[in-house]
N, C-alpha and C. Protein backbone atom coordinates (compact mmCIF):
# COMPACT_ATOMS: atom_id res chain seq x y z
N MET A 1 62.21 -1.66 -54.38
CA MET A 1 61.40 -0.87 -53.93
C MET A 1 60.26 -1.66 -53.34
N SER A 2 60.20 -2.82 -54.19
CA SER A 2 59.05 -4.02 -54.06
C SER A 2 59.04 -4.64 -52.46
N GLY A 3 60.30 -4.57 -52.36
CA GLY A 3 60.80 -5.57 -51.18
C GLY A 3 60.42 -4.54 -50.09
N LYS A 4 61.10 -3.47 -50.41
CA LYS A 4 60.97 -2.38 -49.23
C LYS A 4 59.34 -2.05 -48.72
N GLY A 5 58.58 -1.88 -49.85
CA GLY A 5 57.17 -1.80 -49.58
C GLY A 5 56.00 -3.01 -49.17
N PHE A 6 56.87 -4.15 -49.24
CA PHE A 6 56.61 -5.15 -48.29
C PHE A 6 56.71 -5.07 -47.10
N THR A 7 57.99 -4.64 -46.61
CA THR A 7 58.23 -4.55 -45.38
C THR A 7 57.76 -3.32 -44.56
N GLU A 8 57.42 -2.30 -45.30
CA GLU A 8 56.55 -1.14 -44.88
C GLU A 8 55.26 -1.60 -44.28
N GLN A 9 54.67 -2.49 -45.25
CA GLN A 9 53.45 -2.89 -45.16
C GLN A 9 53.25 -4.25 -43.99
N LYS A 10 54.40 -4.81 -43.84
CA LYS A 10 54.18 -5.84 -42.90
C LYS A 10 54.43 -5.04 -41.50
N LEU A 11 55.47 -3.96 -41.38
CA LEU A 11 55.53 -3.13 -40.22
C LEU A 11 53.99 -2.62 -39.77
N ASN A 12 53.54 -1.69 -40.74
CA ASN A 12 52.15 -1.17 -40.23
C ASN A 12 51.18 -2.13 -39.91
N LEU A 13 50.89 -3.58 -40.40
CA LEU A 13 50.27 -4.40 -40.33
C LEU A 13 50.44 -4.91 -38.44
N THR A 14 51.91 -4.87 -38.57
CA THR A 14 52.12 -5.21 -37.42
C THR A 14 51.87 -4.56 -35.80
N LEU A 15 52.11 -2.96 -36.23
CA LEU A 15 51.83 -2.27 -35.72
C LEU A 15 50.24 -1.97 -35.16
N ALA A 16 49.57 -2.56 -36.28
CA ALA A 16 48.11 -2.19 -36.05
C ALA A 16 47.63 -3.33 -35.36
N LEU A 17 48.09 -4.93 -35.30
CA LEU A 17 47.93 -5.57 -34.61
C LEU A 17 47.92 -5.66 -33.34
N CYS A 18 49.20 -4.78 -33.06
CA CYS A 18 49.77 -4.94 -31.42
C CYS A 18 48.73 -3.76 -30.77
N ALA A 19 48.43 -2.83 -31.87
CA ALA A 19 47.35 -1.53 -31.40
C ALA A 19 45.86 -2.34 -31.26
N VAL A 20 45.69 -3.11 -31.50
CA VAL A 20 44.28 -3.72 -31.53
C VAL A 20 44.38 -4.88 -29.92
N LEU A 21 45.66 -5.46 -29.95
CA LEU A 21 45.96 -6.33 -28.87
C LEU A 21 45.99 -5.51 -27.10
N ILE A 22 46.61 -4.11 -27.62
CA ILE A 22 46.47 -3.60 -26.48
C ILE A 22 45.18 -3.02 -25.85
N SER A 23 44.22 -2.49 -27.39
CA SER A 23 43.02 -1.92 -26.75
C SER A 23 42.19 -3.25 -26.08
N ILE A 24 42.58 -4.42 -26.71
CA ILE A 24 41.59 -5.81 -25.92
C ILE A 24 42.23 -5.74 -24.62
N ALA A 25 43.51 -5.63 -24.58
CA ALA A 25 43.81 -5.93 -23.16
C ALA A 25 43.43 -4.76 -21.85
N SER A 26 43.43 -3.45 -22.70
CA SER A 26 43.15 -2.23 -21.55
C SER A 26 41.15 -2.30 -21.43
N PHE A 27 40.87 -2.97 -22.52
CA PHE A 27 39.11 -3.24 -22.46
C PHE A 27 39.04 -4.15 -20.93
N TYR A 28 39.78 -5.55 -21.34
CA TYR A 28 39.70 -6.20 -20.36
C TYR A 28 39.94 -6.02 -19.05
N ALA A 29 41.05 -4.89 -19.19
CA ALA A 29 41.55 -4.75 -17.69
C ALA A 29 40.26 -3.97 -16.95
N THR A 30 40.07 -3.19 -17.82
CA THR A 30 38.74 -2.12 -17.15
C THR A 30 37.61 -2.91 -16.99
N TYR A 31 37.28 -3.93 -17.76
CA TYR A 31 36.21 -5.12 -17.34
C TYR A 31 36.27 -5.60 -15.93
N LEU A 32 37.41 -6.10 -15.87
CA LEU A 32 37.94 -6.63 -14.37
C LEU A 32 37.73 -5.83 -13.26
N GLN A 33 38.57 -4.55 -13.56
CA GLN A 33 38.09 -3.58 -12.25
C GLN A 33 36.78 -3.11 -12.19
N ALA A 34 35.70 -3.00 -13.01
CA ALA A 34 34.47 -2.79 -12.86
C ALA A 34 34.04 -3.94 -12.32
N ASP A 35 34.13 -5.16 -12.81
CA ASP A 35 33.88 -6.40 -12.05
C ASP A 35 34.11 -6.65 -10.57
N SER A 36 34.82 -5.99 -10.47
CA SER A 36 35.90 -6.17 -9.05
C SER A 36 35.18 -5.10 -8.11
N ALA A 37 35.03 -3.74 -8.56
CA ALA A 37 34.29 -2.98 -7.92
C ALA A 37 32.82 -3.37 -7.34
N GLU A 38 32.47 -4.01 -8.61
CA GLU A 38 30.71 -4.26 -8.19
C GLU A 38 30.72 -5.38 -7.53
N LYS A 39 31.58 -6.02 -7.11
CA LYS A 39 31.90 -7.18 -6.31
C LYS A 39 31.99 -6.47 -4.63
N GLN A 40 32.62 -5.76 -4.85
CA GLN A 40 33.01 -5.22 -3.50
C GLN A 40 32.11 -4.53 -2.97
N VAL A 41 31.24 -3.68 -3.87
CA VAL A 41 30.22 -3.14 -3.45
C VAL A 41 29.02 -3.95 -2.97
N LYS A 42 28.86 -5.09 -3.43
CA LYS A 42 27.69 -6.19 -3.55
C LYS A 42 28.30 -6.71 -1.82
N ALA A 43 29.76 -6.93 -1.82
CA ALA A 43 29.98 -7.58 -0.73
C ALA A 43 29.70 -6.33 0.45
N MET A 44 29.84 -4.98 0.39
CA MET A 44 30.13 -4.34 1.68
C MET A 44 28.46 -3.92 1.63
N THR A 45 27.53 -4.34 1.13
CA THR A 45 26.04 -4.01 1.18
C THR A 45 25.49 -5.48 1.73
N LEU A 46 25.76 -6.62 1.54
CA LEU A 46 25.51 -7.79 1.58
C LEU A 46 24.87 -8.43 3.02
N PRO A 47 23.12 -8.31 3.34
CA PRO A 47 22.93 -8.54 4.45
C PRO A 47 22.72 -9.97 4.85
N LEU A 48 22.82 -10.59 5.84
CA LEU A 48 22.42 -11.76 6.36
C LEU A 48 21.51 -11.90 7.31
N ILE A 49 20.06 -12.59 7.21
CA ILE A 49 19.15 -12.63 8.07
C ILE A 49 19.27 -14.24 8.36
N GLN A 50 19.09 -14.09 9.86
CA GLN A 50 18.72 -15.38 10.66
C GLN A 50 17.49 -15.18 11.64
N HIS A 51 17.14 -16.34 11.67
CA HIS A 51 15.62 -16.53 12.78
C HIS A 51 16.32 -17.24 13.90
N PHE A 52 15.61 -16.52 14.97
CA PHE A 52 15.98 -17.45 16.37
C PHE A 52 14.68 -17.37 17.39
N SER A 53 14.50 -18.35 18.05
CA SER A 53 13.43 -18.17 18.77
C SER A 53 14.06 -18.87 20.53
N GLY A 54 13.62 -18.02 21.50
CA GLY A 54 13.84 -18.42 22.30
C GLY A 54 12.69 -18.66 23.71
N ASN A 55 13.13 -18.74 24.85
CA ASN A 55 11.98 -18.97 26.09
C ASN A 55 12.76 -17.95 27.38
N PHE A 56 14.02 -17.13 27.41
CA PHE A 56 13.94 -16.70 28.64
C PHE A 56 14.71 -15.32 28.01
N ASN A 57 14.46 -14.53 29.08
CA ASN A 57 14.85 -13.06 28.68
C ASN A 57 15.75 -12.95 30.20
N ASP A 58 17.13 -12.84 29.31
CA ASP A 58 18.70 -12.85 30.63
C ASP A 58 18.31 -11.55 31.24
N GLU A 59 17.63 -10.23 30.79
CA GLU A 59 17.95 -8.97 31.23
C GLU A 59 16.56 -9.17 32.30
N SER A 60 15.68 -9.36 31.87
CA SER A 60 14.55 -9.29 32.95
C SER A 60 14.23 -10.41 33.62
N LYS A 61 15.03 -11.50 33.60
CA LYS A 61 15.15 -12.49 34.57
C LYS A 61 13.78 -13.49 34.33
N SER A 62 13.09 -13.33 32.94
CA SER A 62 11.63 -13.46 33.02
C SER A 62 11.55 -14.81 31.77
N ARG A 63 10.28 -15.61 31.93
CA ARG A 63 10.28 -16.30 30.77
C ARG A 63 9.05 -15.84 29.93
N ILE A 64 9.84 -15.85 28.56
CA ILE A 64 9.20 -15.09 27.73
C ILE A 64 9.78 -15.91 26.19
N ILE A 65 8.58 -16.22 25.68
CA ILE A 65 9.03 -17.15 23.95
C ILE A 65 9.06 -15.71 23.08
N THR A 66 10.46 -15.96 22.58
CA THR A 66 10.34 -14.68 21.83
C THR A 66 11.34 -15.14 20.14
N PHE A 67 10.41 -14.38 19.28
CA PHE A 67 10.67 -14.67 17.90
C PHE A 67 11.61 -13.57 17.41
N THR A 68 12.65 -13.95 16.86
CA THR A 68 13.71 -13.07 16.65
C THR A 68 14.08 -13.08 15.12
N LEU A 69 14.27 -11.76 14.39
CA LEU A 69 15.27 -11.93 13.21
C LEU A 69 16.46 -10.70 13.83
N GLU A 70 17.60 -11.37 13.27
CA GLU A 70 18.77 -10.96 13.25
C GLU A 70 19.59 -10.60 11.71
N ASN A 71 19.85 -9.64 11.60
CA ASN A 71 20.72 -9.05 10.59
C ASN A 71 22.11 -9.39 10.88
N ALA A 72 22.66 -10.46 10.38
CA ALA A 72 24.28 -10.56 11.00
C ALA A 72 25.32 -10.31 9.76
N GLY A 73 24.47 -9.55 8.72
CA GLY A 73 25.52 -9.05 7.52
C GLY A 73 26.05 -8.03 7.86
N VAL A 74 26.62 -7.08 6.48
CA VAL A 74 27.16 -6.10 6.81
C VAL A 74 26.18 -4.42 6.16
N GLY A 75 25.09 -5.27 5.20
CA GLY A 75 24.15 -4.03 5.07
C GLY A 75 23.03 -4.15 5.36
N PRO A 76 22.14 -3.22 5.42
CA PRO A 76 20.78 -3.55 5.63
C PRO A 76 20.11 -4.30 4.81
N ALA A 77 18.72 -4.94 5.62
CA ALA A 77 18.06 -5.90 4.85
C ALA A 77 16.84 -5.25 4.69
N LEU A 78 15.94 -5.31 3.40
CA LEU A 78 14.21 -5.33 3.63
C LEU A 78 13.80 -6.47 3.38
N ILE A 79 13.08 -6.52 4.95
CA ILE A 79 12.28 -7.91 4.68
C ILE A 79 10.97 -7.80 3.93
N LYS A 80 10.99 -8.73 2.83
CA LYS A 80 9.92 -8.84 1.93
C LYS A 80 8.79 -9.98 2.31
N GLY A 81 9.07 -11.14 2.93
CA GLY A 81 8.37 -12.42 3.13
C GLY A 81 8.62 -13.09 4.24
N ILE A 82 7.65 -13.52 4.85
CA ILE A 82 8.39 -14.69 5.58
C ILE A 82 6.99 -15.82 5.82
N SER A 83 7.34 -17.08 5.81
CA SER A 83 6.56 -18.14 5.88
C SER A 83 6.92 -19.28 6.65
N TYR A 84 6.00 -20.07 7.17
CA TYR A 84 6.24 -20.96 8.27
C TYR A 84 6.02 -22.27 7.82
N ASN A 85 7.01 -23.09 7.81
CA ASN A 85 6.97 -24.38 7.46
C ASN A 85 6.79 -25.45 8.85
N TYR A 86 5.27 -25.92 9.30
CA TYR A 86 4.88 -26.51 10.46
C TYR A 86 4.37 -28.05 10.00
N LYS A 87 5.22 -28.96 10.52
CA LYS A 87 4.92 -30.44 10.44
C LYS A 87 4.23 -30.72 8.66
N GLY A 88 4.87 -30.06 7.71
CA GLY A 88 4.58 -30.49 6.41
C GLY A 88 3.81 -29.26 5.70
N THR A 89 3.55 -28.62 6.27
CA THR A 89 2.41 -27.37 5.87
C THR A 89 2.95 -26.31 6.06
N GLU A 90 3.13 -25.55 4.73
CA GLU A 90 3.52 -24.08 4.97
C GLU A 90 2.53 -23.29 5.15
N TYR A 91 2.58 -22.65 6.01
CA TYR A 91 1.69 -21.22 6.11
C TYR A 91 2.25 -19.80 5.74
N SER A 92 1.37 -19.03 5.36
CA SER A 92 2.05 -17.74 4.64
C SER A 92 1.87 -16.60 5.91
N ASN A 93 1.81 -16.60 7.15
CA ASN A 93 1.96 -15.83 8.33
C ASN A 93 1.94 -16.54 9.69
N ARG A 94 2.38 -15.81 10.29
CA ARG A 94 2.46 -16.29 11.69
C ARG A 94 1.01 -16.67 12.37
N SER A 95 -0.14 -15.81 11.91
CA SER A 95 -1.10 -16.09 12.74
C SER A 95 -2.04 -17.25 12.26
N GLU A 96 -1.50 -17.72 10.95
CA GLU A 96 -1.86 -19.28 10.62
C GLU A 96 -1.04 -20.23 11.03
N PHE A 97 0.18 -20.01 11.37
CA PHE A 97 1.20 -21.02 12.06
C PHE A 97 0.59 -20.95 13.64
N LEU A 98 0.35 -19.98 14.47
CA LEU A 98 -0.13 -20.33 15.45
C LEU A 98 -2.05 -20.81 15.96
N SER A 99 -2.30 -20.68 14.55
CA SER A 99 -3.70 -21.41 14.51
C SER A 99 -3.36 -23.01 14.50
N ALA A 100 -2.55 -22.89 13.51
CA ALA A 100 -2.01 -24.43 13.55
C ALA A 100 -1.56 -25.07 14.82
N CYS A 101 -0.45 -24.81 15.12
CA CYS A 101 -0.02 -25.49 16.52
C CYS A 101 -0.62 -25.48 17.57
N CYS A 102 -1.32 -24.21 17.68
CA CYS A 102 -1.77 -23.71 19.39
C CYS A 102 -3.30 -23.32 19.40
N SER A 103 -4.05 -23.66 18.28
CA SER A 103 -5.29 -23.04 18.57
C SER A 103 -6.20 -23.08 19.52
N LYS A 104 -6.09 -24.16 20.08
CA LYS A 104 -7.10 -24.23 21.35
C LYS A 104 -6.37 -23.70 22.73
N GLU A 105 -4.97 -23.55 22.84
CA GLU A 105 -4.20 -22.96 23.99
C GLU A 105 -4.72 -21.62 24.00
N ARG A 106 -4.42 -20.79 22.49
CA ARG A 106 -4.51 -19.61 22.01
C ARG A 106 -5.96 -19.01 22.59
N ASP A 107 -6.54 -19.72 22.01
CA ASP A 107 -8.42 -18.93 22.27
C ASP A 107 -8.35 -19.22 23.32
N SER A 108 -8.40 -19.84 24.37
CA SER A 108 -8.44 -19.99 25.87
C SER A 108 -7.88 -18.98 26.50
N TYR A 109 -6.34 -18.54 26.16
CA TYR A 109 -5.97 -17.30 26.56
C TYR A 109 -6.44 -16.11 26.19
N HIS A 110 -6.94 -16.07 24.93
CA HIS A 110 -7.60 -15.04 24.17
C HIS A 110 -8.72 -14.48 25.08
N LYS A 111 -9.56 -15.49 25.39
CA LYS A 111 -10.92 -15.54 26.16
C LYS A 111 -10.62 -15.16 27.62
N ILE A 112 -9.73 -15.47 28.15
CA ILE A 112 -9.43 -14.97 29.50
C ILE A 112 -9.07 -13.62 29.51
N VAL A 113 -8.05 -12.95 28.21
CA VAL A 113 -7.60 -11.76 28.15
C VAL A 113 -9.09 -10.78 27.54
N ASN A 114 -9.75 -11.30 27.00
CA ASN A 114 -11.01 -10.62 26.23
C ASN A 114 -11.75 -10.08 27.61
N ASN A 115 -11.90 -10.95 28.43
CA ASN A 115 -12.85 -11.16 29.79
C ASN A 115 -12.24 -10.10 30.76
N GLY A 116 -11.31 -9.50 30.43
CA GLY A 116 -10.75 -8.54 31.41
C GLY A 116 -9.86 -8.97 32.62
N ALA A 117 -8.88 -9.99 32.37
CA ALA A 117 -8.36 -10.37 33.18
C ALA A 117 -7.11 -9.23 33.67
N GLU A 118 -6.39 -9.17 34.23
CA GLU A 118 -5.50 -8.07 34.85
C GLU A 118 -4.32 -8.77 34.47
N ILE A 119 -3.78 -8.51 33.35
CA ILE A 119 -2.49 -9.00 32.95
C ILE A 119 -1.28 -8.02 32.57
N GLU A 120 -0.53 -8.09 33.30
CA GLU A 120 0.29 -6.61 33.04
C GLU A 120 1.01 -6.75 31.70
N VAL A 121 1.36 -7.76 31.16
CA VAL A 121 1.88 -7.93 29.91
C VAL A 121 1.92 -9.34 29.46
N GLY A 122 0.75 -9.32 28.48
CA GLY A 122 0.73 -10.76 27.92
C GLY A 122 1.48 -11.17 26.46
N SER A 123 1.10 -10.64 25.38
CA SER A 123 1.67 -10.92 24.20
C SER A 123 2.06 -9.35 23.60
N ILE A 124 3.44 -9.36 22.75
CA ILE A 124 3.55 -8.67 21.72
C ILE A 124 4.20 -8.85 20.46
N SER A 125 3.15 -8.53 19.58
CA SER A 125 3.52 -9.24 18.33
C SER A 125 3.75 -7.74 17.33
N SER A 126 4.23 -7.68 16.16
CA SER A 126 4.40 -6.98 15.37
C SER A 126 4.98 -7.35 13.88
N THR A 127 4.80 -6.82 12.65
CA THR A 127 5.09 -7.24 11.43
C THR A 127 6.15 -6.64 10.93
N VAL A 128 7.04 -7.33 10.69
CA VAL A 128 8.23 -6.99 9.86
C VAL A 128 8.51 -6.77 8.41
N LEU A 129 7.58 -7.37 7.35
CA LEU A 129 7.20 -7.18 6.46
C LEU A 129 7.43 -5.68 5.70
N ASN A 130 7.99 -5.56 5.08
CA ASN A 130 8.81 -4.15 4.28
C ASN A 130 9.07 -3.51 5.45
N THR A 131 10.10 -4.18 6.37
CA THR A 131 10.92 -3.08 7.34
C THR A 131 12.22 -3.66 7.09
N ILE A 132 13.19 -2.17 7.32
CA ILE A 132 14.31 -2.48 7.14
C ILE A 132 15.22 -2.68 8.50
N ILE A 133 16.13 -4.14 8.36
CA ILE A 133 16.99 -4.40 9.62
C ILE A 133 18.30 -3.58 9.08
N PRO A 134 18.71 -2.79 10.16
CA PRO A 134 20.02 -2.70 9.68
C PRO A 134 20.98 -3.75 10.07
N ALA A 135 22.35 -3.35 9.48
CA ALA A 135 23.16 -4.59 9.69
C ALA A 135 23.66 -4.90 11.48
N GLN A 136 23.96 -5.88 11.90
CA GLN A 136 24.19 -6.32 13.13
C GLN A 136 23.17 -5.88 14.31
N THR A 137 22.09 -5.80 13.86
CA THR A 137 20.47 -5.49 14.51
C THR A 137 19.89 -6.69 14.81
N LYS A 138 18.88 -6.62 15.74
CA LYS A 138 17.63 -7.61 15.60
C LYS A 138 16.69 -7.12 15.95
N VAL A 139 15.67 -7.71 15.68
CA VAL A 139 14.04 -7.44 16.05
C VAL A 139 13.41 -8.50 16.82
N ASN A 140 12.57 -8.29 17.73
CA ASN A 140 11.69 -9.30 18.15
C ASN A 140 10.76 -9.21 17.77
N TYR A 141 9.97 -9.83 17.08
CA TYR A 141 8.46 -9.38 16.17
C TYR A 141 7.72 -10.34 17.08
N PHE A 142 7.78 -11.06 17.89
CA PHE A 142 6.93 -11.99 18.42
C PHE A 142 7.43 -12.28 19.85
N GLN A 143 6.35 -11.86 21.00
CA GLN A 143 7.11 -12.28 22.25
C GLN A 143 5.55 -12.76 23.08
N LEU A 144 5.93 -13.75 23.89
CA LEU A 144 4.46 -14.16 24.55
C LEU A 144 4.98 -14.73 26.17
N TYR A 145 4.55 -13.74 27.00
CA TYR A 145 4.99 -13.96 28.40
C TYR A 145 4.12 -14.70 28.94
N HIS A 146 5.15 -15.79 30.01
CA HIS A 146 4.47 -16.37 31.05
C HIS A 146 3.86 -16.05 32.12
N SER A 147 2.46 -16.34 32.12
CA SER A 147 1.82 -16.05 33.60
C SER A 147 0.81 -17.07 33.71
N GLU A 148 0.14 -17.19 34.94
CA GLU A 148 -0.90 -17.93 35.42
C GLU A 148 -1.80 -17.94 34.19
N PHE A 149 -2.42 -17.14 33.55
CA PHE A 149 -3.40 -17.10 32.72
C PHE A 149 -2.93 -17.52 31.21
N SER A 150 -1.71 -17.41 30.82
CA SER A 150 -0.78 -17.84 29.49
C SER A 150 -0.10 -19.45 29.51
N ASP A 151 -0.27 -19.98 30.88
CA ASP A 151 0.62 -21.53 30.84
C ASP A 151 0.35 -22.30 30.18
N GLU A 152 -0.81 -22.58 29.75
CA GLU A 152 -1.01 -23.75 28.53
C GLU A 152 -0.54 -23.12 27.53
N TYR A 153 -0.84 -22.30 26.85
CA TYR A 153 -0.55 -21.42 25.88
C TYR A 153 0.99 -21.27 25.61
N TRP A 154 1.73 -21.04 26.79
CA TRP A 154 3.16 -20.71 26.38
C TRP A 154 3.97 -22.11 26.34
N ASN A 155 3.30 -23.09 27.32
CA ASN A 155 3.80 -24.16 27.04
C ASN A 155 3.95 -24.87 26.09
N LYS A 156 2.43 -24.71 25.53
CA LYS A 156 2.11 -25.60 24.02
C LYS A 156 3.20 -24.84 23.09
N LEU A 157 3.23 -23.66 22.63
CA LEU A 157 3.93 -22.76 21.67
C LEU A 157 5.59 -23.49 21.98
N ASN A 158 5.76 -23.09 23.46
CA ASN A 158 7.61 -23.70 23.62
C ASN A 158 7.78 -24.77 23.18
N TYR A 159 6.69 -25.68 23.21
CA TYR A 159 7.21 -27.14 22.50
C TYR A 159 7.33 -27.06 21.17
N GLU A 160 6.13 -26.38 20.50
CA GLU A 160 5.90 -26.73 18.89
C GLU A 160 6.91 -25.63 18.22
N ARG A 161 7.77 -24.77 19.02
CA ARG A 161 8.51 -23.76 18.04
C ARG A 161 9.65 -24.33 17.50
N PHE A 162 9.88 -25.44 17.99
CA PHE A 162 10.92 -26.34 17.35
C PHE A 162 10.55 -27.35 16.33
N GLU A 163 9.07 -27.42 16.07
CA GLU A 163 8.98 -28.02 14.72
C GLU A 163 8.57 -27.22 13.60
N VAL A 164 8.59 -25.73 13.81
CA VAL A 164 8.75 -25.03 12.71
C VAL A 164 9.40 -24.82 12.19
N GLY A 165 9.54 -24.47 10.34
CA GLY A 165 10.64 -24.00 10.29
C GLY A 165 10.42 -22.47 9.31
N ILE A 166 11.47 -21.49 9.59
CA ILE A 166 11.19 -20.22 8.69
C ILE A 166 11.70 -19.90 7.54
N LYS A 167 10.97 -19.70 6.58
CA LYS A 167 11.23 -19.05 5.44
C LYS A 167 11.56 -17.77 5.29
N ILE A 168 12.63 -17.06 4.90
CA ILE A 168 12.72 -15.52 5.12
C ILE A 168 13.20 -15.31 3.86
N CYS A 169 12.14 -13.74 2.81
CA CYS A 169 13.06 -13.45 1.91
C CYS A 169 13.30 -12.09 2.23
N TYR A 170 14.41 -11.58 1.62
CA TYR A 170 14.95 -10.73 1.81
C TYR A 170 15.66 -9.77 0.83
N CYS A 171 15.87 -8.41 0.79
CA CYS A 171 16.51 -7.73 -0.35
C CYS A 171 17.49 -6.87 0.14
N SER A 172 18.85 -6.40 -0.39
CA SER A 172 19.97 -5.67 -0.05
C SER A 172 18.97 -4.09 -0.48
N LEU A 173 19.99 -3.14 -0.30
CA LEU A 173 19.64 -2.02 -1.00
C LEU A 173 20.30 -1.69 -2.53
N LEU A 174 20.73 -2.68 -3.01
CA LEU A 174 20.94 -2.86 -4.63
C LEU A 174 19.99 -3.74 -4.83
N ASP A 175 18.87 -4.28 -4.31
CA ASP A 175 17.88 -4.89 -4.84
C ASP A 175 18.09 -6.32 -5.47
N GLU A 176 19.03 -6.79 -4.74
CA GLU A 176 19.59 -8.30 -4.71
C GLU A 176 18.78 -8.97 -3.66
N CYS A 177 18.24 -9.82 -4.00
CA CYS A 177 17.32 -10.60 -3.29
C CYS A 177 17.76 -12.21 -2.85
N TYR A 178 17.37 -12.65 -1.84
CA TYR A 178 17.96 -13.68 -1.23
C TYR A 178 16.97 -14.73 -0.46
N ILE A 179 16.74 -15.96 -0.54
CA ILE A 179 15.64 -16.90 0.33
C ILE A 179 16.75 -17.30 1.19
N THR A 180 16.46 -17.87 2.75
CA THR A 180 17.13 -18.56 3.40
C THR A 180 16.16 -19.10 4.51
N GLU A 181 16.21 -20.57 5.00
CA GLU A 181 15.34 -21.47 5.13
C GLU A 181 16.18 -21.86 6.30
N ARG A 182 17.35 -22.23 6.13
CA ARG A 182 18.24 -22.27 7.74
C ARG A 182 19.24 -21.10 7.43
N ASN A 183 19.40 -20.87 9.06
CA ASN A 183 20.58 -19.83 9.25
C ASN A 183 21.71 -20.26 8.32
N GLY A 184 22.41 -19.60 8.05
CA GLY A 184 23.93 -19.67 7.34
C GLY A 184 23.43 -20.26 5.68
N VAL A 185 22.69 -20.47 5.43
CA VAL A 185 22.14 -21.02 3.94
C VAL A 185 21.17 -20.15 3.11
N VAL A 186 22.38 -19.35 2.33
CA VAL A 186 21.45 -18.56 1.68
C VAL A 186 21.30 -18.61 0.24
N GLU A 187 20.28 -18.35 -0.68
CA GLU A 187 20.07 -18.70 -1.81
C GLU A 187 19.48 -17.54 -2.69
N PRO A 188 20.17 -16.95 -3.56
CA PRO A 188 19.90 -15.93 -4.09
C PRO A 188 18.64 -15.89 -5.12
N VAL A 189 17.86 -14.92 -5.21
CA VAL A 189 16.53 -15.17 -6.00
C VAL A 189 16.54 -13.70 -6.87
N LYS A 190 15.79 -13.86 -8.42
CA LYS A 190 15.67 -12.81 -8.70
C LYS A 190 14.48 -11.75 -8.13
N SER A 191 13.49 -12.21 -7.42
CA SER A 191 12.82 -11.14 -6.54
C SER A 191 11.89 -12.20 -5.55
N CYS A 192 11.36 -11.59 -4.34
CA CYS A 192 11.05 -12.13 -3.56
C CYS A 192 9.13 -12.47 -3.83
N PRO A 193 8.65 -13.36 -3.37
CA PRO A 193 7.10 -13.74 -3.64
C PRO A 193 6.67 -13.02 -3.08
N VAL A 194 5.18 -12.20 -3.32
CA VAL A 194 4.21 -11.56 -2.54
C VAL A 194 3.76 -12.80 -1.66
N ILE A 195 3.62 -12.34 -0.44
CA ILE A 195 3.18 -13.19 0.60
C ILE A 195 2.42 -12.12 1.51
N ASN A 196 1.32 -12.76 2.12
CA ASN A 196 0.29 -12.26 2.97
C ASN A 196 1.25 -11.53 3.92
N PRO A 197 0.83 -10.13 4.12
CA PRO A 197 1.10 -8.97 5.06
C PRO A 197 1.31 -8.86 5.91
N LYS A 198 0.35 -10.16 6.92
CA LYS A 198 0.15 -10.03 8.19
C LYS A 198 1.44 -10.66 8.98
N GLY A 199 2.55 -11.21 8.27
CA GLY A 199 3.59 -11.55 8.86
C GLY A 199 3.62 -12.72 9.61
């Protein structure tokens, strides 16, 4: 009887261990499935912000300096901050960068404009901070048109735009945030720093 009892006890223990192992395996499989689903959702909503500048518009065939943000990712991006590193100094907004690079030329141009010069289109600027850029779209957030009045300013900025590095902080709709300083190089961050809202 004792031998039979020991066998039954051993069998019950074996069954119990099997049940535990099955539960662990099931839990692990569920975890992997959930983790895979989370990664898939992140991949489907991942934005990728890139910055470009140019000096010619192919459509209008005109000389226009343009600063552009493009979302090359698959999900929308909420722009939380842009800063400008110009010759070793970081500036928290576009206006500060333009003052550092081209203050003399810009002031001269603005003086002409403010004195009533008949300029059809001079410059166009807008803030992109706290703006959502949909996937596969671009936003021209600064444009300076070339004219006889803007010639010095245009030429100066056209040269100096190659000396500036743009740092952009943005978040996905899942509140996953990233910083990029070079196109294609992205660093995940917990949150974006508060940056001057002038953009």
